[in-house]
């Protein structure tokens, strides 16, 4: 978007909690706090260009139409009279938004440009193995006892282990730590801000998690990761397939409900041994140097 509109102020509407990462990546000049599909707190002057990076509409596009911008860039939405590129439900999220910008603004949008700068913040533990057992929805939640078994493997191998998550996931992380024989000091869930978490991930030996936000941080910071997928396949939300430092495990038979209330069968098909062997492979490969990737 900056390449297409170099003389414009770039304002990103997103949850205010993400502002530290927006500043770190220098991808926008200003953050407009947005928590969901709600009326936007906007005042004159009207924006020159509004770009819908939320979805295909109609609700998101309808909200943006209310800003009365001189131009709206969005996927095709006949219900609102919006003409744009066709939505492809099977497209990877990164490719989707790059395609929207490239086709409508005629600017280079490279799906490989995913890297974040490493935060200057000192991580709370150096070269840790991070296990992130939580997920936003139950359908993406690998069973806690399996995460505990993986954590126990890491402890038995003499690796420094930390358990991360949000404040609401602290009880889950604590139960995993207890089962794995880890002290409470290994539980960082709810005890880090976003930049501290990013710094921790950037410095880590390895991340093991489900398909959730911290996995995207590992991709952006090129930290080796084992990511467990279900109900959504990695072809939609996973790390780039051409990066050997990331292993995406998926045993699905189609796309399930990523907002479902019970664990997806695809996740239940992932066993502890498969996760451990994937983690061992990445640790062995990275013992020399990450620069070989």
Protein backbone atom coordinates (compact mmCIF):
# COMPACT_ATOMS: atom_id res chain seq x y z
CA UNK A 1 0.00 0.00 0.00
CA UNK A 2 2.89 2.38 0.71
CA UNK A 3 4.34 1.60 -2.70
CA UNK A 4 1.05 2.48 -4.35
CA UNK A 5 0.27 5.55 -2.22
CA UNK A 6 3.64 6.92 -1.07
CA UNK A 7 2.39 10.43 -0.30
CA UNK A 8 -0.55 9.37 1.87
CA UNK A 9 -0.80 8.96 5.62
CA UNK A 10 -1.40 5.25 6.21
CA UNK A 11 -3.91 4.53 9.00
CA UNK A 12 -4.47 0.93 10.11
CA UNK A 13 -7.69 -0.02 11.86
CA UNK A 14 -6.91 -2.86 14.28
CA UNK A 15 -7.25 -3.86 17.94
CA UNK A 16 -5.27 -1.36 20.04
CA UNK A 17 -3.35 -4.21 21.69
CA UNK A 18 -1.56 -4.76 18.36
CA UNK A 19 -0.19 -1.22 18.18
CA UNK A 20 3.29 -2.19 19.50
CA UNK A 21 3.70 -4.64 16.60
CA UNK A 22 2.43 -2.07 14.11
CA UNK A 23 5.07 0.37 15.40
CA UNK A 24 7.76 -2.33 15.37
CA UNK A 25 7.03 -3.26 11.76
CA UNK A 26 6.54 0.38 10.68
CA UNK A 27 3.64 -0.69 8.48
CA UNK A 28 1.39 2.27 9.31
CA UNK A 29 1.69 5.87 10.43
CA UNK A 30 -1.29 5.74 12.79
CA UNK A 31 -3.42 3.10 14.48
CA UNK A 32 -7.19 3.56 14.53
CA UNK A 33 -8.53 1.45 17.45
CA UNK A 34 -11.01 -1.11 16.10
CA UNK A 35 -12.29 -4.04 18.17
CA UNK A 36 -14.61 -5.65 15.65
CA UNK A 37 -17.39 -4.96 13.20
CA UNK A 38 -18.52 -1.77 14.87
CA UNK A 39 -18.96 1.83 13.66
CA UNK A 40 -15.58 3.45 13.05
CA UNK A 41 -14.61 6.45 15.15
CA UNK A 42 -13.72 8.71 12.26
CA UNK A 43 -14.01 12.46 11.74
CA UNK A 44 -13.39 14.77 8.81
CA UNK A 45 -11.66 14.98 6.46
CA UNK A 46 -12.94 11.91 4.66
CA UNK A 47 -10.23 9.43 3.65
CA UNK A 48 -8.96 9.36 0.08
CA UNK A 49 -8.77 5.55 -0.12
CA UNK A 50 -10.22 2.90 2.18
CA UNK A 51 -9.07 -0.73 1.85
CA UNK A 52 -11.02 -3.60 3.35
CA UNK A 53 -8.47 -6.03 4.79
CA UNK A 54 -11.02 -7.65 7.09
CA UNK A 55 -13.11 -9.88 4.85
CA UNK A 56 -15.29 -10.08 1.77
CA UNK A 57 -18.26 -8.21 3.23
CA UNK A 58 -20.99 -7.30 3.29
CA UNK A 59 -20.77 -6.13 6.93
CA UNK A 60 -17.15 -4.93 6.82
CA UNK A 61 -17.52 -3.24 3.44
CA UNK A 62 -20.77 -1.61 4.55
CA UNK A 63 -18.99 -0.03 7.53
CA UNK A 64 -16.27 1.30 5.26
CA UNK A 65 -18.80 2.72 2.81
CA UNK A 66 -20.00 4.85 5.69
CA UNK A 67 -16.69 6.70 5.67
CA UNK A 68 -17.59 8.12 2.23
CA UNK A 69 -14.02 7.76 0.99
CA UNK A 70 -13.25 8.83 -2.54
CA UNK A 71 -12.33 5.21 -3.29
CA UNK A 72 -13.11 1.87 -1.64
CA UNK A 73 -10.85 -1.10 -2.38
CA UNK A 74 -12.51 -4.39 -1.52
CA UNK A 75 -13.38 -7.81 -2.84
CA UNK A 76 -16.38 -8.09 -5.12
CA UNK A 77 -19.63 -7.62 -3.19
CA UNK A 78 -22.66 -7.40 -5.52
CA UNK A 79 -25.04 -6.92 -2.57
CA UNK A 80 -23.46 -3.50 -1.99
CA UNK A 81 -22.70 -2.70 -5.59
CA UNK A 82 -18.95 -3.09 -5.02
CA UNK A 83 -16.91 -4.31 -7.95
CA UNK A 84 -13.56 -5.85 -7.12
CA UNK A 85 -11.46 -9.01 -7.41
CA UNK A 86 -13.26 -12.30 -6.82
CA UNK A 87 -12.99 -13.91 -3.37
CA UNK A 88 -11.31 -17.32 -3.32
CA UNK A 89 -12.24 -19.23 -0.16
CA UNK A 90 -9.34 -21.70 -0.58
CA UNK A 91 -6.65 -19.02 -0.92
CA UNK A 92 -3.98 -18.52 1.73
CA UNK A 93 -4.64 -15.41 3.80
CA UNK A 94 -1.32 -13.79 2.89
CA UNK A 95 -1.79 -14.39 -0.84
CA UNK A 96 -5.38 -13.13 -0.63
CA UNK A 97 -4.59 -9.70 0.74
CA UNK A 98 -1.50 -9.26 -1.40
CA UNK A 99 -3.60 -10.07 -4.45
CA UNK A 100 -6.27 -7.53 -3.48
CA UNK A 101 -3.71 -4.74 -3.18
CA UNK A 102 -1.74 -5.76 -6.27
CA UNK A 103 -4.77 -6.03 -8.53
CA UNK A 104 -6.54 -2.88 -7.39
CA UNK A 105 -3.66 -0.50 -6.63
CA UNK A 106 -1.28 -1.88 -9.24
CA UNK A 107 1.60 -2.14 -6.78
CA UNK A 108 3.96 -4.99 -6.01
CA UNK A 109 2.67 -6.95 -3.02
CA UNK A 110 5.02 -9.82 -2.25
CA UNK A 111 3.59 -12.67 -0.09
CA UNK A 112 7.17 -13.50 0.97
CA UNK A 113 7.59 -10.16 2.77
CA UNK A 114 6.53 -11.48 6.15
CA UNK A 115 9.48 -10.65 8.38
CA UNK A 116 9.24 -8.55 11.54
CA UNK A 117 12.26 -6.78 13.05
CA UNK A 118 13.53 -8.35 16.25
CA UNK A 119 12.34 -6.25 19.22
CA UNK A 120 15.00 -4.58 21.32
CA UNK A 121 13.23 -5.84 24.46
CA UNK A 122 15.25 -8.36 26.46
CA UNK A 123 13.45 -11.75 26.62
CA UNK A 124 12.69 -13.13 30.10
CA UNK A 125 14.61 -16.34 29.27
CA UNK A 126 17.24 -16.94 26.59
CA UNK A 127 17.04 -19.74 24.00
CA UNK A 128 13.88 -21.26 25.45
CA UNK A 129 11.61 -23.87 24.00
CA UNK A 130 8.21 -22.19 24.03
CA UNK A 131 5.07 -24.27 24.40
CA UNK A 132 1.85 -22.35 23.82
CA UNK A 133 -1.05 -24.65 24.75
CA UNK A 134 -3.94 -22.22 24.35
CA UNK A 135 -6.16 -21.30 21.43
CA UNK A 136 -8.87 -18.73 20.87
CA UNK A 137 -11.50 -21.41 20.21
CA UNK A 138 -11.96 -24.95 21.45
CA UNK A 139 -11.90 -26.38 17.93
CA UNK A 140 -8.25 -25.33 17.62
CA UNK A 141 -7.23 -26.59 21.09
CA UNK A 142 -4.98 -29.65 21.10
CA UNK A 143 -5.60 -31.59 24.34
CA UNK A 144 -3.77 -30.24 27.37
CA UNK A 145 -2.48 -33.67 28.41
CA UNK A 146 -0.72 -34.00 25.05
CA UNK A 147 0.91 -30.61 25.43
CA UNK A 148 2.01 -31.73 28.91
CA UNK A 149 3.57 -34.87 27.42
CA UNK A 150 5.50 -32.75 24.91
CA UNK A 151 6.62 -30.42 27.70
CA UNK A 152 7.74 -33.47 29.68
CA UNK A 153 9.83 -34.61 26.71
CA UNK A 154 11.54 -31.20 26.60
CA UNK A 155 12.18 -31.27 30.35
CA UNK A 156 13.65 -34.75 30.08
CA UNK A 157 15.95 -33.53 27.33
CA UNK A 158 17.25 -30.78 29.62
CA UNK A 159 15.80 -27.96 27.54
CA UNK A 160 14.72 -24.63 29.07
CA UNK A 161 10.93 -24.60 28.73
CA UNK A 162 8.45 -21.75 29.02
CA UNK A 163 4.67 -21.84 28.72
CA UNK A 164 3.05 -18.78 27.16
CA UNK A 165 -0.48 -17.54 26.68
CA UNK A 166 -2.89 -14.79 27.61
CA UNK A 167 -4.23 -14.03 31.06
CA UNK A 168 -7.27 -16.22 30.42
CA UNK A 169 -4.96 -19.13 29.54
CA UNK A 170 -2.88 -19.00 32.70
CA UNK A 171 -4.79 -21.84 34.41
CA UNK A 172 -4.33 -24.03 31.33
CA UNK A 173 -0.60 -23.25 31.13
CA UNK A 174 -0.20 -23.90 34.86
CA UNK A 175 -1.88 -27.30 34.59
CA UNK A 176 0.40 -28.26 31.69
CA UNK A 177 3.43 -27.13 33.70
CA UNK A 178 2.34 -29.12 36.75
CA UNK A 179 1.87 -32.28 34.70
CA UNK A 180 5.28 -31.84 33.08
CA UNK A 181 7.07 -31.23 36.39
CA UNK A 182 7.85 -27.59 35.59
CA UNK A 183 7.96 -24.88 38.26
CA UNK A 184 5.43 -22.03 38.29
CA UNK A 185 8.22 -19.71 37.15
CA UNK A 186 8.07 -21.45 33.77
CA UNK A 187 4.52 -20.19 33.26
CA UNK A 188 4.56 -16.82 31.50
CA UNK A 189 0.92 -16.87 30.44
CA UNK A 190 -0.57 -13.49 31.28
CA UNK A 191 2.82 -12.14 32.41
CA UNK A 192 4.22 -10.74 29.15
CA UNK A 193 3.19 -7.85 26.98
CA UNK A 194 3.16 -8.23 23.21
CA UNK A 195 6.69 -6.95 22.61
CA UNK A 196 8.08 -9.14 25.39
CA UNK A 197 6.37 -12.13 23.80
CA UNK A 198 7.76 -11.21 20.39
CA UNK A 199 11.25 -10.84 21.85
CA UNK A 200 10.90 -14.21 23.57
CA UNK A 201 9.80 -15.88 20.33
CA UNK A 202 12.57 -14.20 18.33
CA UNK A 203 15.22 -15.59 20.69
CA UNK A 204 13.67 -19.04 21.21
CA UNK A 205 15.14 -22.33 20.04
CA UNK A 206 11.70 -23.59 19.11
CA UNK A 207 7.99 -22.87 19.37
CA UNK A 208 5.34 -25.58 19.66
CA UNK A 209 1.74 -24.38 19.37
CA UNK A 210 -1.59 -24.72 17.69
CA UNK A 211 -2.83 -22.54 14.87
CA UNK A 212 -2.89 -19.27 16.79
CA UNK A 213 -1.30 -15.81 16.85
CA UNK A 214 2.03 -16.81 18.39
CA UNK A 215 2.61 -19.18 15.46
CA UNK A 216 2.42 -16.20 13.10
CA UNK A 217 5.00 -14.43 15.26
CA UNK A 218 7.33 -17.41 14.81
CA UNK A 219 6.88 -17.17 11.05
CA UNK A 220 7.50 -13.42 11.04
CA UNK A 221 10.61 -13.79 13.21
CA UNK A 222 11.86 -16.96 11.47
CA UNK A 223 11.88 -18.95 14.70
CA UNK A 224 11.69 -22.74 14.17
CA UNK A 225 8.18 -23.91 14.93
CA UNK A 226 5.98 -26.98 15.05
CA UNK A 227 2.40 -25.87 14.45
CA UNK A 228 -0.58 -28.18 14.90
CA UNK A 229 -3.43 -27.56 12.49
CA UNK A 230 -7.11 -28.36 12.67
CA UNK A 231 -9.81 -27.52 11.73
CA UNK A 232 -8.25 -25.14 9.17
CA UNK A 233 -5.48 -26.52 6.92
CA UNK A 234 -2.05 -24.85 6.75
CA UNK A 235 -2.75 -24.00 3.10
CA UNK A 236 -5.06 -21.31 4.49
CA UNK A 237 -3.27 -19.93 7.54
CA UNK A 238 0.02 -21.80 7.81
CA UNK A 239 3.67 -20.78 7.45
CA UNK A 240 5.16 -20.56 3.95
CA UNK A 241 5.76 -24.07 2.63
CA UNK A 242 9.21 -23.12 1.33
CA UNK A 243 10.65 -22.40 4.80
CA UNK A 244 12.17 -25.55 6.34
CA UNK A 245 12.32 -23.97 9.80
CA UNK A 246 8.56 -24.47 10.19
CA UNK A 247 6.76 -27.81 10.34
CA UNK A 248 2.97 -27.72 9.96
CA UNK A 249 1.19 -30.92 11.04
CA UNK A 250 -2.22 -31.49 9.51
CA UNK A 251 -4.32 -34.65 9.27
CA UNK A 252 -7.59 -33.10 8.19
CA UNK A 253 -10.08 -34.31 5.65
CA UNK A 254 -11.49 -30.95 4.67
CA UNK A 255 -12.06 -27.65 6.44
CA UNK A 256 -13.91 -27.66 9.75
CA UNK A 257 -15.21 -24.85 11.93
CA UNK A 258 -12.36 -22.65 13.23
CA UNK A 259 -14.76 -21.06 15.72
CA UNK A 260 -16.25 -24.34 16.96
CA UNK A 261 -16.90 -25.26 20.57
CA UNK A 262 -15.22 -28.68 20.61
CA UNK A 263 -11.81 -29.93 19.49
CA UNK A 264 -11.65 -30.70 15.79
CA UNK A 265 -11.04 -34.36 14.83
CA UNK A 266 -8.04 -33.30 12.72
CA UNK A 267 -6.24 -32.16 15.87
CA UNK A 268 -7.06 -35.38 17.69
CA UNK A 269 -5.30 -37.32 14.92
CA UNK A 270 -2.01 -35.62 15.85
CA UNK A 271 -0.10 -37.72 18.33
CA UNK A 272 2.55 -36.75 20.86
CA UNK A 273 5.21 -38.87 19.15
CA UNK A 274 4.75 -37.02 15.86
CA UNK A 275 5.11 -33.64 17.53
CA UNK A 276 8.20 -34.74 19.46
CA UNK A 277 9.88 -36.20 16.37
CA UNK A 278 9.19 -32.98 14.45
CA UNK A 279 10.63 -30.93 17.32
CA UNK A 280 13.71 -33.16 17.49
CA UNK A 281 14.26 -32.74 13.75
CA UNK A 282 14.11 -28.95 13.97
CA UNK A 283 16.39 -28.79 17.02
CA UNK A 284 18.94 -30.99 15.27
CA UNK A 285 18.77 -28.89 12.11
CA UNK A 286 19.24 -25.63 14.00
CA UNK A 287 22.15 -26.71 16.22
CA UNK A 288 24.58 -25.34 13.64
CA UNK A 289 23.04 -21.97 12.79
CA UNK A 290 19.74 -20.49 11.72
CA UNK A 291 21.47 -18.64 8.92
CA UNK A 292 21.61 -21.87 6.93
CA UNK A 293 17.86 -21.73 6.29
